[in-house]
Amino acid sequence: MSLRWLDFDYSEGSDDTGVFDAMASVEWKHAADVEAEIATVIAWAEATFAGRRAPVEEGGEWDCDVSVTDEPGATPRRCFSLSITGSAAFCEAFRERFELEA
């Protein structure tokens, strides 16, 4: 599945964990589309790695953080930030599912 709104950057820790970070700053009329894409990503992780969501350092397979801020202006925007941390197995499956380059 290709993503339209989220463009992930990947970084790797020294402990075989990886982090996918994405940001999207959109006009309000597209905010629901971004929210739906974030929900799809999290739903996939919860279904594929069910019961294994917790910080990796606490024995979890994956975890995530979502933040949303509003940017005022002539054309107000909503800014989304999604960070997903996971084990090597999670990261490999994530890349494959969302067609991301290694």
PDB file of N, CA and C in Angstrom:
ATOM      1  N   MET A   1       0.843  -1.179   0.000  1.00  0.00           N
ATOM      2  CA  MET A   1       0.000   0.000   0.000  1.00  0.00           C
ATOM      3  C   MET A   1       0.885   1.237   0.000  1.00  0.00           C
ATOM      4  N   SER A   2       0.663   2.078  -0.944  1.00  0.00           N
ATOM      5  CA  SER A   2       1.394   3.333  -1.034  1.00  0.00           C
ATOM      6  C   SER A   2       0.663   4.398  -0.223  1.00  0.00           C
ATOM      7  N   LEU A   3       1.428   5.253   0.426  1.00  0.00           N
ATOM      8  CA  LEU A   3       0.855   6.323   1.234  1.00  0.00           C
ATOM      9  C   LEU A   3       0.857   7.628   0.452  1.00  0.00           C
ATOM     10  N   ARG A   4      -0.200   8.408   0.606  1.00  0.00           N
ATOM     11  CA  ARG A   4      -0.297   9.672  -0.116  1.00  0.00           C
ATOM     12  C   ARG A   4       0.214  10.842   0.705  1.00  0.00           C
ATOM     13  N   TRP A   5      -0.148  10.917   1.977  1.00  0.00           N
ATOM     14  CA  TRP A   5       0.129  12.085   2.790  1.00  0.00           C
ATOM     15  C   TRP A   5       1.371  11.954   3.653  1.00  0.00           C
ATOM     16  N   LEU A   6       1.708  10.754   4.053  1.00  0.00           N
ATOM     17  CA  LEU A   6       2.835  10.537   4.958  1.00  0.00           C
ATOM     18  C   LEU A   6       4.063  10.109   4.178  1.00  0.00           C
ATOM     19  N   ASP A   7       5.138  10.833   4.352  1.00  0.00           N
ATOM     20  CA  ASP A   7       6.417  10.523   3.726  1.00  0.00           C
ATOM     21  C   ASP A   7       7.401  10.265   4.865  1.00  0.00           C
ATOM     22  N   PHE A   8       7.757   8.996   5.059  1.00  0.00           N
ATOM     23  CA  PHE A   8       8.563   8.618   6.216  1.00  0.00           C
ATOM     24  C   PHE A   8      10.061   8.739   5.970  1.00  0.00           C
ATOM     25  N   ASP A   9      10.748   9.249   6.984  1.00  0.00           N
ATOM     26  CA  ASP A   9      12.204   9.191   7.058  1.00  0.00           C
ATOM     27  C   ASP A   9      12.525   8.085   8.047  1.00  0.00           C
ATOM     28  N   TYR A  10      13.602   7.357   7.798  1.00  0.00           N
ATOM     29  CA  TYR A  10      13.965   6.230   8.650  1.00  0.00           C
ATOM     30  C   TYR A  10      15.328   6.475   9.280  1.00  0.00           C
ATOM     31  N   SER A  11      15.436   6.141  10.553  1.00  0.00           N
ATOM     32  CA  SER A  11      16.735   6.161  11.221  1.00  0.00           C
ATOM     33  C   SER A  11      16.837   4.902  12.063  1.00  0.00           C
ATOM     34  N   GLU A  12      18.056   4.515  12.332  1.00  0.00           N
ATOM     35  CA  GLU A  12      18.302   3.267  13.038  1.00  0.00           C
ATOM     36  C   GLU A  12      19.099   3.532  14.304  1.00  0.00           C
ATOM     37  N   GLY A  13      18.690   2.858  15.372  1.00  0.00           N
ATOM     38  CA  GLY A  13      19.421   2.962  16.627  1.00  0.00           C
ATOM     39  C   GLY A  13      20.530   1.927  16.688  1.00  0.00           C
ATOM     40  N   SER A  14      21.334   2.000  17.709  1.00  0.00           N
ATOM     41  CA  SER A  14      22.438   1.050  17.862  1.00  0.00           C
ATOM     42  C   SER A  14      21.965  -0.274  18.456  1.00  0.00           C
ATOM     43  N   ASP A  15      20.689  -0.349  18.829  1.00  0.00           N
ATOM     44  CA  ASP A  15      20.166  -1.549  19.480  1.00  0.00           C
ATOM     45  C   ASP A  15      19.208  -2.337  18.581  1.00  0.00           C
ATOM     46  N   ASP A  16      19.420  -2.295  17.270  1.00  0.00           N
ATOM     47  CA  ASP A  16      18.583  -2.994  16.291  1.00  0.00           C
ATOM     48  C   ASP A  16      17.140  -2.524  16.282  1.00  0.00           C
ATOM     49  N   THR A  17      16.905  -1.287  16.670  1.00  0.00           N
ATOM     50  CA  THR A  17      15.580  -0.705  16.542  1.00  0.00           C
ATOM     51  C   THR A  17      15.608   0.333  15.437  1.00  0.00           C
ATOM     52  N   GLY A  18      14.457   0.613  14.902  1.00  0.00           N
ATOM     53  CA  GLY A  18      14.347   1.624  13.868  1.00  0.00           C
ATOM     54  C   GLY A  18      13.248   2.606  14.208  1.00  0.00           C
ATOM     55  N   VAL A  19      13.334   3.789  13.619  1.00  0.00           N
ATOM     56  CA  VAL A  19      12.329   4.820  13.837  1.00  0.00           C
ATOM     57  C   VAL A  19      11.904   5.367  12.478  1.00  0.00           C
ATOM     58  N   PHE A  20      10.602   5.371  12.254  1.00  0.00           N
ATOM     59  CA  PHE A  20      10.013   5.989  11.077  1.00  0.00           C
ATOM     60  C   PHE A  20       9.332   7.275  11.531  1.00  0.00           C
ATOM     61  N   ASP A  21       9.735   8.401  10.959  1.00  0.00           N
ATOM     62  CA  ASP A  21       9.142   9.693  11.292  1.00  0.00           C
ATOM     63  C   ASP A  21       8.512  10.293  10.044  1.00  0.00           C
ATOM     64  N   ALA A  22       7.300  10.821  10.215  1.00  0.00           N
ATOM     65  CA  ALA A  22       6.617  11.496   9.109  1.00  0.00           C
ATOM     66  C   ALA A  22       5.934  12.742   9.640  1.00  0.00           C
ATOM     67  N   MET A  23       5.903  13.751   8.795  1.00  0.00           N
ATOM     68  CA  MET A  23       5.178  14.983   9.108  1.00  0.00           C
ATOM     69  C   MET A  23       4.333  15.355   7.900  1.00  0.00           C
ATOM     70  N   ALA A  24       3.184  15.929   8.173  1.00  0.00           N
ATOM     71  CA  ALA A  24       2.325  16.427   7.094  1.00  0.00           C
ATOM     72  C   ALA A  24       1.691  17.721   7.582  1.00  0.00           C
ATOM     73  N   SER A  25       1.856  18.763   6.815  1.00  0.00           N
ATOM     74  CA  SER A  25       1.236  20.046   7.120  1.00  0.00           C
ATOM     75  C   SER A  25       0.277  20.346   5.976  1.00  0.00           C
ATOM     76  N   VAL A  26      -1.020  20.344   6.303  1.00  0.00           N
ATOM     77  CA  VAL A  26      -2.026  20.443   5.246  1.00  0.00           C
ATOM     78  C   VAL A  26      -3.074  21.498   5.590  1.00  0.00           C
ATOM     79  N   GLU A  27      -3.751  21.973   4.559  1.00  0.00           N
ATOM     80  CA  GLU A  27      -4.904  22.839   4.773  1.00  0.00           C
ATOM     81  C   GLU A  27      -5.969  22.015   5.491  1.00  0.00           C
ATOM     82  N   TRP A  28      -6.815  22.708   6.234  1.00  0.00           N
ATOM     83  CA  TRP A  28      -7.837  22.034   7.026  1.00  0.00           C
ATOM     84  C   TRP A  28      -8.683  21.079   6.196  1.00  0.00           C
ATOM     85  N   LYS A  29      -8.930  21.408   4.954  1.00  0.00           N
ATOM     86  CA  LYS A  29      -9.807  20.565   4.127  1.00  0.00           C
ATOM     87  C   LYS A  29      -9.207  19.178   3.895  1.00  0.00           C
ATOM     88  N   HIS A  30      -7.893  19.010   4.117  1.00  0.00           N
ATOM     89  CA  HIS A  30      -7.244  17.699   3.935  1.00  0.00           C
ATOM     90  C   HIS A  30      -6.921  16.997   5.252  1.00  0.00           C
ATOM     91  N   ALA A  31      -7.229  17.644   6.367  1.00  0.00           N
ATOM     92  CA  ALA A  31      -6.862  17.078   7.677  1.00  0.00           C
ATOM     93  C   ALA A  31      -7.483  15.700   7.902  1.00  0.00           C
ATOM     94  N   ALA A  32      -8.723  15.515   7.534  1.00  0.00           N
ATOM     95  CA  ALA A  32      -9.380  14.213   7.730  1.00  0.00           C
ATOM     96  C   ALA A  32      -8.699  13.120   6.912  1.00  0.00           C
ATOM     97  N   ASP A  33      -8.178  13.466   5.737  1.00  0.00           N
ATOM     98  CA  ASP A  33      -7.477  12.486   4.905  1.00  0.00           C
ATOM     99  C   ASP A  33      -6.185  12.026   5.579  1.00  0.00           C
ATOM    100  N   VAL A  34      -5.468  12.974   6.170  1.00  0.00           N
ATOM    101  CA  VAL A  34      -4.227  12.624   6.871  1.00  0.00           C
ATOM    102  C   VAL A  34      -4.543  11.790   8.104  1.00  0.00           C
ATOM    103  N   GLU A  35      -5.565  12.188   8.855  1.00  0.00           N
ATOM    104  CA  GLU A  35      -5.973  11.423  10.035  1.00  0.00           C
ATOM    105  C   GLU A  35      -6.328   9.989   9.660  1.00  0.00           C
ATOM    106  N   ALA A  36      -7.015   9.814   8.548  1.00  0.00           N
ATOM    107  CA  ALA A  36      -7.389   8.471   8.091  1.00  0.00           C
ATOM    108  C   ALA A  36      -6.151   7.653   7.716  1.00  0.00           C
ATOM    109  N   GLU A  37      -5.172   8.291   7.086  1.00  0.00           N
ATOM    110  CA  GLU A  37      -3.948   7.576   6.714  1.00  0.00           C
ATOM    111  C   GLU A  37      -3.161   7.172   7.959  1.00  0.00           C
ATOM    112  N   ILE A  38      -3.084   8.050   8.945  1.00  0.00           N
ATOM    113  CA  ILE A  38      -2.413   7.712  10.204  1.00  0.00           C
ATOM    114  C   ILE A  38      -3.140   6.549  10.870  1.00  0.00           C
ATOM    115  N   ALA A  39      -4.459   6.599  10.895  1.00  0.00           N
ATOM    116  CA  ALA A  39      -5.253   5.516  11.493  1.00  0.00           C
ATOM    117  C   ALA A  39      -5.010   4.192  10.776  1.00  0.00           C
ATOM    118  N   THR A  40      -4.865   4.225   9.467  1.00  0.00           N
ATOM    119  CA  THR A  40      -4.590   3.014   8.690  1.00  0.00           C
ATOM    120  C   THR A  40      -3.245   2.415   9.081  1.00  0.00           C
ATOM    121  N   VAL A  41      -2.231   3.261   9.205  1.00  0.00           N
ATOM    122  CA  VAL A  41      -0.894   2.796   9.575  1.00  0.00           C
ATOM    123  C   VAL A  41      -0.914   2.160  10.967  1.00  0.00           C
ATOM    124  N   ILE A  42      -1.548   2.837  11.917  1.00  0.00           N
ATOM    125  CA  ILE A  42      -1.594   2.309  13.283  1.00  0.00           C
ATOM    126  C   ILE A  42      -2.436   1.036  13.354  1.00  0.00           C
ATOM    127  N   ALA A  43      -3.541   0.994  12.630  1.00  0.00           N
ATOM    128  CA  ALA A  43      -4.378  -0.217  12.614  1.00  0.00           C
ATOM    129  C   ALA A  43      -3.608  -1.403  12.062  1.00  0.00           C
ATOM    130  N   TRP A  44      -2.806  -1.167  11.013  1.00  0.00           N
ATOM    131  CA  TRP A  44      -1.994  -2.258  10.468  1.00  0.00           C
ATOM    132  C   TRP A  44      -1.024  -2.773  11.531  1.00  0.00           C
ATOM    133  N   ALA A  45      -0.335  -1.854  12.216  1.00  0.00           N
ATOM    134  CA  ALA A  45       0.630  -2.257  13.240  1.00  0.00           C
ATOM    135  C   ALA A  45      -0.050  -3.023  14.364  1.00  0.00           C
ATOM    136  N   GLU A  46      -1.217  -2.536  14.799  1.00  0.00           N
ATOM    137  CA  GLU A  46      -1.930  -3.211  15.881  1.00  0.00           C
ATOM    138  C   GLU A  46      -2.415  -4.596  15.467  1.00  0.00           C
ATOM    139  N   ALA A  47      -2.825  -4.756  14.211  1.00  0.00           N
ATOM    140  CA  ALA A  47      -3.310  -6.052  13.732  1.00  0.00           C
ATOM    141  C   ALA A  47      -2.167  -7.023  13.465  1.00  0.00           C
ATOM    142  N   THR A  48      -1.102  -6.524  12.863  1.00  0.00           N
ATOM    143  CA  THR A  48       0.013  -7.390  12.466  1.00  0.00           C
ATOM    144  C   THR A  48       0.890  -7.771  13.650  1.00  0.00           C
ATOM    145  N   PHE A  49       1.050  -6.881  14.589  1.00  0.00           N
ATOM    146  CA  PHE A  49       1.871  -7.131  15.778  1.00  0.00           C
ATOM    147  C   PHE A  49       0.985  -6.977  17.018  1.00  0.00           C
ATOM    148  N   ALA A  50      -0.130  -7.683  16.999  1.00  0.00           N
ATOM    149  CA  ALA A  50      -1.158  -7.575  18.041  1.00  0.00           C
ATOM    150  C   ALA A  50      -0.590  -7.905  19.424  1.00  0.00           C
ATOM    151  N   GLY A  51      -0.947  -7.066  20.378  1.00  0.00           N
ATOM    152  CA  GLY A  51      -0.542  -7.289  21.758  1.00  0.00           C
ATOM    153  C   GLY A  51       0.923  -7.019  22.040  1.00  0.00           C
ATOM    154  N   ARG A  52       1.627  -6.463  21.064  1.00  0.00           N
ATOM    155  CA  ARG A  52       3.065  -6.238  21.248  1.00  0.00           C
ATOM    156  C   ARG A  52       3.439  -4.765  21.195  1.00  0.00           C
ATOM    157  N   ARG A  53       2.442  -3.898  21.439  1.00  0.00           N
ATOM    158  CA  ARG A  53       2.730  -2.463  21.454  1.00  0.00           C
ATOM    159  C   ARG A  53       3.202  -2.053  22.842  1.00  0.00           C
ATOM    160  N   ALA A  54       4.420  -1.604  22.906  1.00  0.00           N
ATOM    161  CA  ALA A  54       5.051  -1.081  24.117  1.00  0.00           C
ATOM    162  C   ALA A  54       6.414  -0.569  23.688  1.00  0.00           C
ATOM    163  N   PRO A  55       7.008   0.317  24.461  1.00  0.00           N
ATOM    164  CA  PRO A  55       8.363   0.748  24.111  1.00  0.00           C
ATOM    165  C   PRO A  55       9.289  -0.454  23.933  1.00  0.00           C
ATOM    166  N   VAL A  56      10.113  -0.395  22.916  1.00  0.00           N
ATOM    167  CA  VAL A  56      11.015  -1.511  22.612  1.00  0.00           C
ATOM    168  C   VAL A  56      11.918  -1.817  23.803  1.00  0.00           C
ATOM    169  N   GLU A  57      12.369  -0.775  24.510  1.00  0.00           N
ATOM    170  CA  GLU A  57      13.251  -0.996  25.660  1.00  0.00           C
ATOM    171  C   GLU A  57      12.529  -1.704  26.816  1.00  0.00           C
ATOM    172  N   GLU A  58      11.194  -1.764  26.724  1.00  0.00           N
ATOM    173  CA  GLU A  58      10.419  -2.492  27.733  1.00  0.00           C
ATOM    174  C   GLU A  58       9.931  -3.840  27.202  1.00  0.00           C
ATOM    175  N   GLY A  59      10.490  -4.261  26.079  1.00  0.00           N
ATOM    176  CA  GLY A  59      10.145  -5.569  25.515  1.00  0.00           C
ATOM    177  C   GLY A  59       9.071  -5.548  24.447  1.00  0.00           C
ATOM    178  N   GLY A  60       8.603  -4.372  24.075  1.00  0.00           N
ATOM    179  CA  GLY A  60       7.595  -4.273  23.027  1.00  0.00           C
ATOM    180  C   GLY A  60       8.208  -4.458  21.649  1.00  0.00           C
ATOM    181  N   GLU A  61       7.348  -4.736  20.704  1.00  0.00           N
ATOM    182  CA  GLU A  61       7.774  -4.907  19.311  1.00  0.00           C
ATOM    183  C   GLU A  61       7.705  -3.571  18.562  1.00  0.00           C
ATOM    184  N   TRP A  62       6.770  -2.711  18.986  1.00  0.00           N
ATOM    185  CA  TRP A  62       6.610  -1.413  18.324  1.00  0.00           C
ATOM    186  C   TRP A  62       5.872  -0.447  19.257  1.00  0.00           C
ATOM    187  N   ASP A  63       5.997   0.832  18.953  1.00  0.00           N
ATOM    188  CA  ASP A  63       5.263   1.861  19.670  1.00  0.00           C
ATOM    189  C   ASP A  63       5.170   3.075  18.748  1.00  0.00           C
ATOM    190  N   CYS A  64       4.260   3.978  19.044  1.00  0.00           N
ATOM    191  CA  CYS A  64       4.151   5.166  18.195  1.00  0.00           C
ATOM    192  C   CYS A  64       3.709   6.367  19.004  1.00  0.00           C
ATOM    193  N   ASP A  65       3.916   7.529  18.403  1.00  0.00           N
ATOM    194  CA  ASP A  65       3.514   8.792  18.995  1.00  0.00           C
ATOM    195  C   ASP A  65       2.958   9.667  17.883  1.00  0.00           C
ATOM    196  N   VAL A  66       1.803  10.252  18.123  1.00  0.00           N
ATOM    197  CA  VAL A  66       1.177  11.146  17.153  1.00  0.00           C
ATOM    198  C   VAL A  66       0.967  12.496  17.830  1.00  0.00           C
ATOM    199  N   SER A  67       1.303  13.559  17.123  1.00  0.00           N
ATOM    200  CA  SER A  67       0.983  14.888  17.642  1.00  0.00           C
ATOM    201  C   SER A  67       0.357  15.711  16.523  1.00  0.00           C
ATOM    202  N   VAL A  68      -0.513  16.605  16.948  1.00  0.00           N
ATOM    203  CA  VAL A  68      -1.237  17.459  16.006  1.00  0.00           C
ATOM    204  C   VAL A  68      -1.183  18.890  16.528  1.00  0.00           C
ATOM    205  N   THR A  69      -0.814  19.812  15.670  1.00  0.00           N
ATOM    206  CA  THR A  69      -0.818  21.227  16.024  1.00  0.00           C
ATOM    207  C   THR A  69      -1.483  22.013  14.906  1.00  0.00           C
ATOM    208  N   ASP A  70      -2.030  23.143  15.272  1.00  0.00           N
ATOM    209  CA  ASP A  70      -2.664  24.008  14.283  1.00  0.00           C
ATOM    210  C   ASP A  70      -1.798  25.227  14.046  1.00  0.00           C
ATOM    211  N   GLU A  71      -1.673  25.590  12.778  1.00  0.00           N
ATOM    212  CA  GLU A  71      -0.887  26.743  12.376  1.00  0.00           C
ATOM    213  C   GLU A  71      -1.840  27.812  11.848  1.00  0.00           C
ATOM    214  N   PRO A  72      -1.985  28.930  12.581  1.00  0.00           N
ATOM    215  CA  PRO A  72      -2.879  29.987  12.104  1.00  0.00           C
ATOM    216  C   PRO A  72      -2.259  30.700  10.903  1.00  0.00           C
ATOM    217  N   GLY A  73      -3.043  31.466  10.246  1.00  0.00           N
ATOM    218  CA  GLY A  73      -2.556  32.254   9.120  1.00  0.00           C
ATOM    219  C   GLY A  73      -3.679  32.519   8.152  1.00  0.00           C
ATOM    220  N   ALA A  74      -3.337  33.114   7.021  1.00  0.00           N
ATOM    221  CA  ALA A  74      -4.338  33.406   5.999  1.00  0.00           C
ATOM    222  C   ALA A  74      -5.019  32.120   5.541  1.00  0.00           C
ATOM    223  N   THR A  75      -4.229  31.057   5.422  1.00  0.00           N
ATOM    224  CA  THR A  75      -4.771  29.739   5.112  1.00  0.00           C
ATOM    225  C   THR A  75      -4.361  28.826   6.263  1.00  0.00           C
ATOM    226  N   PRO A  76      -5.236  28.664   7.267  1.00  0.00           N
ATOM    227  CA  PRO A  76      -4.870  27.838   8.424  1.00  0.00           C
ATOM    228  C   PRO A  76      -4.510  26.420   8.006  1.00  0.00           C
ATOM    229  N   ARG A  77      -3.542  25.855   8.716  1.00  0.00           N
ATOM    230  CA  ARG A  77      -3.073  24.512   8.401  1.00  0.00           C
ATOM    231  C   ARG A  77      -3.073  23.671   9.668  1.00  0.00           C
ATOM    232  N   ARG A  78      -3.155  22.380   9.477  1.00  0.00           N
ATOM    233  CA  ARG A  78      -3.021  21.435  10.583  1.00  0.00           C
ATOM    234  C   ARG A  78      -1.758  20.622  10.303  1.00  0.00           C
ATOM    235  N   CYS A  79      -0.917  20.523  11.321  1.00  0.00           N
ATOM    236  CA  CYS A  79       0.370  19.838  11.180  1.00  0.00           C
ATOM    237  C   CYS A  79       0.342  18.545  12.002  1.00  0.00           C
ATOM    238  N   PHE A  80       0.622  17.439  11.347  1.00  0.00           N
ATOM    239  CA  PHE A  80       0.639  16.123  11.968  1.00  0.00           C
ATOM    240  C   PHE A  80       2.072  15.611  12.035  1.00  0.00           C
ATOM    241  N   SER A  81       2.389  14.960  13.118  1.00  0.00           N
ATOM    242  CA  SER A  81       3.688  14.317  13.270  1.00  0.00           C
ATOM    243  C   SER A  81       3.440  12.900  13.781  1.00  0.00           C
ATOM    244  N   LEU A  82       4.011  11.916  13.101  1.00  0.00           N
ATOM    245  CA  LEU A  82       3.866  10.514  13.474  1.00  0.00           C
ATOM    246  C   LEU A  82       5.247   9.899  13.568  1.00  0.00           C
ATOM    247  N   SER A  83       5.531   9.300  14.707  1.00  0.00           N
ATOM    248  CA  SER A  83       6.804   8.617  14.926  1.00  0.00           C
ATOM    249  C   SER A  83       6.505   7.194  15.360  1.00  0.00           C
ATOM    250  N   ILE A  84       7.062   6.232  14.630  1.00  0.00           N
ATOM    251  CA  ILE A  84       6.859   4.811  14.946  1.00  0.00           C
ATOM    252  C   ILE A  84       8.220   4.171  15.168  1.00  0.00           C
ATOM    253  N   THR A  85       8.368   3.559  16.329  1.00  0.00           N
ATOM    254  CA  THR A  85       9.600   2.867  16.688  1.00  0.00           C
ATOM    255  C   THR A  85       9.314   1.373  16.672  1.00  0.00           C
ATOM    256  N   GLY A  86      10.281   0.591  16.181  1.00  0.00           N
ATOM    257  CA  GLY A  86      10.038  -0.843  16.157  1.00  0.00           C
ATOM    258  C   GLY A  86      11.298  -1.664  16.099  1.00  0.00           C
ATOM    259  N   SER A  87      11.099  -2.952  16.337  1.00  0.00           N
ATOM    260  CA  SER A  87      12.182  -3.917  16.227  1.00  0.00           C
ATOM    261  C   SER A  87      12.565  -4.081  14.759  1.00  0.00           C
ATOM    262  N   ALA A  88      13.646  -4.791  14.520  1.00  0.00           N
ATOM    263  CA  ALA A  88      14.078  -5.034  13.138  1.00  0.00           C
ATOM    264  C   ALA A  88      12.985  -5.754  12.345  1.00  0.00           C
ATOM    265  N   ALA A  89      12.323  -6.729  12.960  1.00  0.00           N
ATOM    266  CA  ALA A  89      11.256  -7.465  12.270  1.00  0.00           C
ATOM    267  C   ALA A  89      10.077  -6.546  11.953  1.00  0.00           C
ATOM    268  N   PHE A  90       9.725  -5.694  12.892  1.00  0.00           N
ATOM    269  CA  PHE A  90       8.636  -4.747  12.658  1.00  0.00           C
ATOM    270  C   PHE A  90       8.992  -3.809  11.511  1.00  0.00           C
ATOM    271  N   CYS A  91      10.201  -3.260  11.548  1.00  0.00           N
ATOM    272  CA  CYS A  91      10.624  -2.302  10.521  1.00  0.00           C
ATOM    273  C   CYS A  91      10.615  -2.930   9.130  1.00  0.00           C
ATOM    274  N   GLU A  92      11.060  -4.174   9.037  1.00  0.00           N
ATOM    275  CA  GLU A  92      11.051  -4.863   7.744  1.00  0.00           C
ATOM    276  C   GLU A  92       9.624  -5.038   7.238  1.00  0.00           C
ATOM    277  N   ALA A  93       8.724  -5.462   8.105  1.00  0.00           N
ATOM    278  CA  ALA A  93       7.324  -5.643   7.721  1.00  0.00           C
ATOM    279  C   ALA A  93       6.677  -4.306   7.363  1.00  0.00           C
ATOM    280  N   PHE A  94       7.007  -3.257   8.104  1.00  0.00           N
ATOM    281  CA  PHE A  94       6.469  -1.918   7.857  1.00  0.00           C
ATOM    282  C   PHE A  94       6.887  -1.422   6.477  1.00  0.00           C
ATOM    283  N   ARG A  95       8.170  -1.571   6.169  1.00  0.00           N
ATOM    284  CA  ARG A  95       8.682  -1.147   4.851  1.00  0.00           C
ATOM    285  C   ARG A  95       7.950  -1.875   3.728  1.00  0.00           C
ATOM    286  N   GLU A  96       7.790  -3.181   3.897  1.00  0.00           N
ATOM    287  CA  GLU A  96       7.141  -3.991   2.864  1.00  0.00           C
ATOM    288  C   GLU A  96       5.679  -3.578   2.693  1.00  0.00           C
ATOM    289  N   ARG A  97       4.964  -3.417   3.788  1.00  0.00           N
ATOM    290  CA  ARG A  97       3.530  -3.107   3.734  1.00  0.00           C
ATOM    291  C   ARG A  97       3.262  -1.758   3.106  1.00  0.00           C
ATOM    292  N   PHE A  98       4.085  -0.769   3.427  1.00  0.00           N
ATOM    293  CA  PHE A  98       3.835   0.582   2.942  1.00  0.00           C
ATOM    294  C   PHE A  98       4.778   1.009   1.820  1.00  0.00           C
ATOM    295  N   GLU A  99       5.438   0.022   1.221  1.00  0.00           N
ATOM    296  CA  GLU A  99       6.268   0.224   0.026  1.00  0.00           C
ATOM    297  C   GLU A  99       7.308   1.328   0.213  1.00  0.00           C
ATOM    298  N   LEU A 100       8.065   1.217   1.309  1.00  0.00           N
ATOM    299  CA  LEU A 100       9.122   2.179   1.614  1.00  0.00           C
ATOM    300  C   LEU A 100      10.457   1.591   1.239  1.00  0.00           C
ATOM    301  N   GLU A 101      11.365   2.422   0.814  1.00  0.00           N
ATOM    302  CA  GLU A 101      12.714   1.961   0.470  1.00  0.00           C
ATOM    303  C   GLU A 101      13.500   1.638   1.732  1.00  0.00           C
ATOM    304  N   ALA A 102      14.377   0.672   1.606  1.00  0.00           N
ATOM    305  CA  ALA A 102      15.229   0.282   2.757  1.00  0.00           C
ATOM    306  C   ALA A 102      16.313   1.289   2.968  1.00  0.00           C
TER     307      ALA A 102
END
